[in-house]
Amino acid sequence: MSQFDALLNKLTSDPGFAATLVADPEGALSAHGIEPTDEMVSAIRGLEPASIEKLVGAFGKSAAGS
């Protein structure tokens, strides 16, 4: 499993993780073995947790239907 896959898995399995990711992108990414860059952190901080959850939900529905 890639680091990104592990992060997506955490987002799909832990409903509160999107808020953690937005509140502390450096810590959340580092905890999943991803070295956060300034660009990543800036992009994540510009998001709303609800938007992340909606996106993850759409991917989950797509995966379930395939």
PDB file of N, CA and C in Angstrom:
ATOM      1  N   MET A   1       0.852  -1.174   0.000  1.00  0.00           N
ATOM      2  CA  MET A   1       0.000   0.000   0.000  1.00  0.00           C
ATOM      3  C   MET A   1       0.897   1.236   0.000  1.00  0.00           C
ATOM      4  N   SER A   2       0.619   2.167  -0.920  1.00  0.00           N
ATOM      5  CA  SER A   2       1.401   3.397  -0.974  1.00  0.00           C
ATOM      6  C   SER A   2       1.033   4.314   0.193  1.00  0.00           C
ATOM      7  N   GLN A   3       1.858   5.304   0.417  1.00  0.00           N
ATOM      8  CA  GLN A   3       1.588   6.266   1.481  1.00  0.00           C
ATOM      9  C   GLN A   3       0.287   7.014   1.204  1.00  0.00           C
ATOM     10  N   PHE A   4       0.070   7.357  -0.052  1.00  0.00           N
ATOM     11  CA  PHE A   4      -1.151   8.063  -0.418  1.00  0.00           C
ATOM     12  C   PHE A   4      -2.366   7.165  -0.213  1.00  0.00           C
ATOM     13  N   ASP A   5      -2.236   5.880  -0.582  1.00  0.00           N
ATOM     14  CA  ASP A   5      -3.334   4.938  -0.365  1.00  0.00           C
ATOM     15  C   ASP A   5      -3.651   4.811   1.119  1.00  0.00           C
ATOM     16  N   ALA A   6      -2.617   4.785   1.944  1.00  0.00           N
ATOM     17  CA  ALA A   6      -2.822   4.690   3.391  1.00  0.00           C
ATOM     18  C   ALA A   6      -3.556   5.927   3.911  1.00  0.00           C
ATOM     19  N   LEU A   7      -3.205   7.089   3.367  1.00  0.00           N
ATOM     20  CA  LEU A   7      -3.875   8.322   3.766  1.00  0.00           C
ATOM     21  C   LEU A   7      -5.342   8.299   3.340  1.00  0.00           C
ATOM     22  N   LEU A   8      -5.608   7.862   2.119  1.00  0.00           N
ATOM     23  CA  LEU A   8      -6.999   7.756   1.658  1.00  0.00           C
ATOM     24  C   LEU A   8      -7.779   6.743   2.487  1.00  0.00           C
ATOM     25  N   ASN A   9      -7.134   5.643   2.833  1.00  0.00           N
ATOM     26  CA  ASN A   9      -7.786   4.635   3.670  1.00  0.00           C
ATOM     27  C   ASN A   9      -8.174   5.234   5.020  1.00  0.00           C
ATOM     28  N   LYS A  10      -7.290   6.023   5.590  1.00  0.00           N
ATOM     29  CA  LYS A  10      -7.580   6.677   6.869  1.00  0.00           C
ATOM     30  C   LYS A  10      -8.750   7.643   6.721  1.00  0.00           C
ATOM     31  N   LEU A  11      -8.773   8.389   5.613  1.00  0.00           N
ATOM     32  CA  LEU A  11      -9.876   9.320   5.380  1.00  0.00           C
ATOM     33  C   LEU A  11     -11.203   8.603   5.228  1.00  0.00           C
ATOM     34  N   THR A  12     -11.207   7.442   4.587  1.00  0.00           N
ATOM     35  CA  THR A  12     -12.460   6.710   4.392  1.00  0.00           C
ATOM     36  C   THR A  12     -12.898   5.965   5.642  1.00  0.00           C
ATOM     37  N   SER A  13     -11.959   5.587   6.490  1.00  0.00           N
ATOM     38  CA  SER A  13     -12.317   4.789   7.666  1.00  0.00           C
ATOM     39  C   SER A  13     -12.508   5.613   8.940  1.00  0.00           C
ATOM     40  N   ASP A  14     -12.071   6.861   8.935  1.00  0.00           N
ATOM     41  CA  ASP A  14     -12.153   7.708  10.126  1.00  0.00           C
ATOM     42  C   ASP A  14     -12.812   9.034   9.752  1.00  0.00           C
ATOM     43  N   PRO A  15     -14.118   9.159  10.009  1.00  0.00           N
ATOM     44  CA  PRO A  15     -14.849  10.356   9.594  1.00  0.00           C
ATOM     45  C   PRO A  15     -14.279  11.663  10.132  1.00  0.00           C
ATOM     46  N   GLY A  16     -13.642  11.647  11.269  1.00  0.00           N
ATOM     47  CA  GLY A  16     -13.095  12.870  11.848  1.00  0.00           C
ATOM     48  C   GLY A  16     -11.707  13.226  11.354  1.00  0.00           C
ATOM     49  N   PHE A  17     -11.105  12.355  10.563  1.00  0.00           N
ATOM     50  CA  PHE A  17      -9.723  12.584  10.147  1.00  0.00           C
ATOM     51  C   PHE A  17      -9.587  13.779   9.209  1.00  0.00           C
ATOM     52  N   ALA A  18     -10.596  14.085   8.407  1.00  0.00           N
ATOM     53  CA  ALA A  18     -10.510  15.242   7.506  1.00  0.00           C
ATOM     54  C   ALA A  18     -10.285  16.516   8.310  1.00  0.00           C
ATOM     55  N   ALA A  19     -10.962  16.652   9.431  1.00  0.00           N
ATOM     56  CA  ALA A  19     -10.781  17.835  10.280  1.00  0.00           C
ATOM     57  C   ALA A  19      -9.363  17.876  10.845  1.00  0.00           C
ATOM     58  N   THR A  20      -8.837  16.723  11.232  1.00  0.00           N
ATOM     59  CA  THR A  20      -7.462  16.641  11.735  1.00  0.00           C
ATOM     60  C   THR A  20      -6.480  17.018  10.644  1.00  0.00           C
ATOM     61  N   LEU A  21      -6.719  16.528   9.432  1.00  0.00           N
ATOM     62  CA  LEU A  21      -5.841  16.814   8.304  1.00  0.00           C
ATOM     63  C   LEU A  21      -5.794  18.314   8.016  1.00  0.00           C
ATOM     64  N   VAL A  22      -6.928  18.979   8.048  1.00  0.00           N
ATOM     65  CA  VAL A  22      -6.984  20.418   7.788  1.00  0.00           C
ATOM     66  C   VAL A  22      -6.367  21.201   8.950  1.00  0.00           C
ATOM     67  N   ALA A  23      -6.611  20.770  10.170  1.00  0.00           N
ATOM     68  CA  ALA A  23      -6.098  21.480  11.348  1.00  0.00           C
ATOM     69  C   ALA A  23      -4.587  21.336  11.510  1.00  0.00           C
ATOM     70  N   ASP A  24      -4.056  20.170  11.154  1.00  0.00           N
ATOM     71  CA  ASP A  24      -2.623  19.905  11.323  1.00  0.00           C
ATOM     72  C   ASP A  24      -2.105  19.080  10.150  1.00  0.00           C
ATOM     73  N   PRO A  25      -2.001  19.709   8.967  1.00  0.00           N
ATOM     74  CA  PRO A  25      -1.577  18.946   7.799  1.00  0.00           C
ATOM     75  C   PRO A  25      -0.198  18.311   7.963  1.00  0.00           C
ATOM     76  N   GLU A  26       0.731  19.059   8.558  1.00  0.00           N
ATOM     77  CA  GLU A  26       2.083  18.523   8.727  1.00  0.00           C
ATOM     78  C   GLU A  26       2.061  17.255   9.570  1.00  0.00           C
ATOM     79  N   GLY A  27       1.390  17.314  10.696  1.00  0.00           N
ATOM     80  CA  GLY A  27       1.335  16.167  11.600  1.00  0.00           C
ATOM     81  C   GLY A  27       0.602  14.983  11.000  1.00  0.00           C
ATOM     82  N   ALA A  28      -0.529  15.264  10.353  1.00  0.00           N
ATOM     83  CA  ALA A  28      -1.330  14.188   9.764  1.00  0.00           C
ATOM     84  C   ALA A  28      -0.585  13.506   8.627  1.00  0.00           C
ATOM     85  N   LEU A  29       0.052  14.281   7.763  1.00  0.00           N
ATOM     86  CA  LEU A  29       0.805  13.690   6.660  1.00  0.00           C
ATOM     87  C   LEU A  29       2.009  12.917   7.175  1.00  0.00           C
ATOM     88  N   SER A  30       2.746  13.521   8.097  1.00  0.00           N
ATOM     89  CA  SER A  30       3.923  12.853   8.661  1.00  0.00           C
ATOM     90  C   SER A  30       3.563  11.533   9.324  1.00  0.00           C
ATOM     91  N   ALA A  31       2.418  11.499   9.993  1.00  0.00           N
ATOM     92  CA  ALA A  31       1.978  10.273  10.664  1.00  0.00           C
ATOM     93  C   ALA A  31       1.714   9.143   9.670  1.00  0.00           C
ATOM     94  N   HIS A  32       1.513   9.506   8.400  1.00  0.00           N
ATOM     95  CA  HIS A  32       1.260   8.501   7.366  1.00  0.00           C
ATOM     96  C   HIS A  32       2.453   8.338   6.431  1.00  0.00           C
ATOM     97  N   GLY A  33       3.623   8.785   6.897  1.00  0.00           N
ATOM     98  CA  GLY A  33       4.857   8.574   6.157  1.00  0.00           C
ATOM     99  C   GLY A  33       5.034   9.470   4.947  1.00  0.00           C
ATOM    100  N   ILE A  34       4.268  10.550   4.892  1.00  0.00           N
ATOM    101  CA  ILE A  34       4.375  11.481   3.775  1.00  0.00           C
ATOM    102  C   ILE A  34       5.104  12.729   4.257  1.00  0.00           C
ATOM    103  N   GLU A  35       6.199  13.080   3.589  1.00  0.00           N
ATOM    104  CA  GLU A  35       6.953  14.282   3.924  1.00  0.00           C
ATOM    105  C   GLU A  35       6.195  15.489   3.381  1.00  0.00           C
ATOM    106  N   PRO A  36       5.576  16.287   4.259  1.00  0.00           N
ATOM    107  CA  PRO A  36       4.763  17.405   3.776  1.00  0.00           C
ATOM    108  C   PRO A  36       5.622  18.516   3.175  1.00  0.00           C
ATOM    109  N   THR A  37       5.207  19.006   2.023  1.00  0.00           N
ATOM    110  CA  THR A  37       5.856  20.162   1.421  1.00  0.00           C
ATOM    111  C   THR A  37       5.009  21.392   1.729  1.00  0.00           C
ATOM    112  N   ASP A  38       5.609  22.552   1.541  1.00  0.00           N
ATOM    113  CA  ASP A  38       4.860  23.795   1.766  1.00  0.00           C
ATOM    114  C   ASP A  38       3.641  23.856   0.847  1.00  0.00           C
ATOM    115  N   GLU A  39       3.790  23.375  -0.380  1.00  0.00           N
ATOM    116  CA  GLU A  39       2.684  23.398  -1.341  1.00  0.00           C
ATOM    117  C   GLU A  39       1.531  22.490  -0.874  1.00  0.00           C
ATOM    118  N   MET A  40       1.853  21.294  -0.370  1.00  0.00           N
ATOM    119  CA  MET A  40       0.820  20.382   0.140  1.00  0.00           C
ATOM    120  C   MET A  40       0.078  21.023   1.306  1.00  0.00           C
ATOM    121  N   VAL A  41       0.832  21.545   2.249  1.00  0.00           N
ATOM    122  CA  VAL A  41       0.250  22.133   3.458  1.00  0.00           C
ATOM    123  C   VAL A  41      -0.655  23.302   3.092  1.00  0.00           C
ATOM    124  N   SER A  42      -0.191  24.153   2.194  1.00  0.00           N
ATOM    125  CA  SER A  42      -0.997  25.295   1.765  1.00  0.00           C
ATOM    126  C   SER A  42      -2.294  24.843   1.091  1.00  0.00           C
ATOM    127  N   ALA A  43      -2.213  23.839   0.238  1.00  0.00           N
ATOM    128  CA  ALA A  43      -3.397  23.335  -0.462  1.00  0.00           C
ATOM    129  C   ALA A  43      -4.398  22.732   0.519  1.00  0.00           C
ATOM    130  N   ILE A  44      -3.920  21.975   1.478  1.00  0.00           N
ATOM    131  CA  ILE A  44      -4.804  21.329   2.449  1.00  0.00           C
ATOM    132  C   ILE A  44      -5.466  22.366   3.339  1.00  0.00           C
ATOM    133  N   ARG A  45      -4.706  23.350   3.780  1.00  0.00           N
ATOM    134  CA  ARG A  45      -5.270  24.374   4.664  1.00  0.00           C
ATOM    135  C   ARG A  45      -6.347  25.195   3.973  1.00  0.00           C
ATOM    136  N   GLY A  46      -6.350  25.213   2.644  1.00  0.00           N
ATOM    137  CA  GLY A  46      -7.366  25.946   1.911  1.00  0.00           C
ATOM    138  C   GLY A  46      -8.663  25.180   1.751  1.00  0.00           C
ATOM    139  N   LEU A  47      -8.721  23.963   2.276  1.00  0.00           N
ATOM    140  CA  LEU A  47      -9.900  23.117   2.131  1.00  0.00           C
ATOM    141  C   LEU A  47     -10.765  23.133   3.385  1.00  0.00           C
ATOM    142  N   GLU A  48     -12.008  22.796   3.200  1.00  0.00           N
ATOM    143  CA  GLU A  48     -12.922  22.590   4.319  1.00  0.00           C
ATOM    144  C   GLU A  48     -13.017  21.084   4.567  1.00  0.00           C
ATOM    145  N   PRO A  49     -13.033  20.642   5.816  1.00  0.00           N
ATOM    146  CA  PRO A  49     -13.169  19.209   6.094  1.00  0.00           C
ATOM    147  C   PRO A  49     -14.368  18.584   5.381  1.00  0.00           C
ATOM    148  N   ALA A  50     -15.478  19.291   5.317  1.00  0.00           N
ATOM    149  CA  ALA A  50     -16.673  18.746   4.664  1.00  0.00           C
ATOM    150  C   ALA A  50     -16.430  18.478   3.179  1.00  0.00           C
ATOM    151  N   SER A  51     -15.627  19.315   2.531  1.00  0.00           N
ATOM    152  CA  SER A  51     -15.305  19.110   1.120  1.00  0.00           C
ATOM    153  C   SER A  51     -14.464  17.855   0.927  1.00  0.00           C
ATOM    154  N   ILE A  52     -13.513  17.645   1.824  1.00  0.00           N
ATOM    155  CA  ILE A  52     -12.685  16.445   1.763  1.00  0.00           C
ATOM    156  C   ILE A  52     -13.552  15.211   1.963  1.00  0.00           C
ATOM    157  N   GLU A  53     -14.442  15.269   2.955  1.00  0.00           N
ATOM    158  CA  GLU A  53     -15.316  14.126   3.241  1.00  0.00           C
ATOM    159  C   GLU A  53     -16.231  13.820   2.057  1.00  0.00           C
ATOM    160  N   LYS A  54     -16.728  14.854   1.389  1.00  0.00           N
ATOM    161  CA  LYS A  54     -17.594  14.664   0.223  1.00  0.00           C
ATOM    162  C   LYS A  54     -16.814  13.995  -0.913  1.00  0.00           C
ATOM    163  N   LEU A  55     -15.594  14.450  -1.144  1.00  0.00           N
ATOM    164  CA  LEU A  55     -14.756  13.866  -2.183  1.00  0.00           C
ATOM    165  C   LEU A  55     -14.432  12.409  -1.881  1.00  0.00           C
ATOM    166  N   VAL A  56     -14.054  12.135  -0.659  1.00  0.00           N
ATOM    167  CA  VAL A  56     -13.741  10.760  -0.259  1.00  0.00           C
ATOM    168  C   VAL A  56     -14.970   9.878  -0.408  1.00  0.00           C
ATOM    169  N   GLY A  57     -16.133  10.403  -0.036  1.00  0.00           N
ATOM    170  CA  GLY A  57     -17.367   9.647  -0.181  1.00  0.00           C
ATOM    171  C   GLY A  57     -17.661   9.317  -1.635  1.00  0.00           C
ATOM    172  N   ALA A  58     -17.399  10.249  -2.535  1.00  0.00           N
ATOM    173  CA  ALA A  58     -17.626  10.014  -3.958  1.00  0.00           C
ATOM    174  C   ALA A  58     -16.687   8.939  -4.484  1.00  0.00           C
ATOM    175  N   PHE A  59     -15.448   8.939  -4.030  1.00  0.00           N
ATOM    176  CA  PHE A  59     -14.511   7.901  -4.446  1.00  0.00           C
ATOM    177  C   PHE A  59     -14.930   6.554  -3.884  1.00  0.00           C
ATOM    178  N   GLY A  60     -15.420   6.545  -2.657  1.00  0.00           N
ATOM    179  CA  GLY A  60     -15.877   5.301  -2.046  1.00  0.00           C
ATOM    180  C   GLY A  60     -17.046   4.702  -2.787  1.00  0.00           C
ATOM    181  N   LYS A  61     -17.971   5.536  -3.214  1.00  0.00           N
ATOM    182  CA  LYS A  61     -19.129   5.039  -3.974  1.00  0.00           C
ATOM    183  C   LYS A  61     -18.686   4.510  -5.326  1.00  0.00           C
ATOM    184  N   SER A  62     -17.721   5.186  -5.945  1.00  0.00           N
ATOM    185  CA  SER A  62     -17.207   4.752  -7.240  1.00  0.00           C
ATOM    186  C   SER A  62     -16.507   3.399  -7.119  1.00  0.00           C
ATOM    187  N   ALA A  63     -15.714   3.226  -6.067  1.00  0.00           N
ATOM    188  CA  ALA A  63     -14.995   1.975  -5.851  1.00  0.00           C
ATOM    189  C   ALA A  63     -15.953   0.845  -5.563  1.00  0.00           C
ATOM    190  N   ALA A  64     -17.018   1.138  -4.810  1.00  0.00           N
ATOM    191  CA  ALA A  64     -17.996   0.108  -4.463  1.00  0.00           C
ATOM    192  C   ALA A  64     -18.778  -0.355  -5.687  1.00  0.00           C
ATOM    193  N   GLY A  65     -18.968   0.551  -6.649  1.00  0.00           N
ATOM    194  CA  GLY A  65     -19.728   0.230  -7.837  1.00  0.00           C
ATOM    195  C   GLY A  65     -18.925  -0.452  -8.924  1.00  0.00           C
ATOM    196  N   SER A  66     -17.612  -0.551  -8.752  1.00  0.00           N
ATOM    197  CA  SER A  66     -16.790  -1.134  -9.814  1.00  0.00           C
ATOM    198  C   SER A  66     -16.557  -2.603  -9.652  1.00  0.00           C
TER     199      SER A  66
END
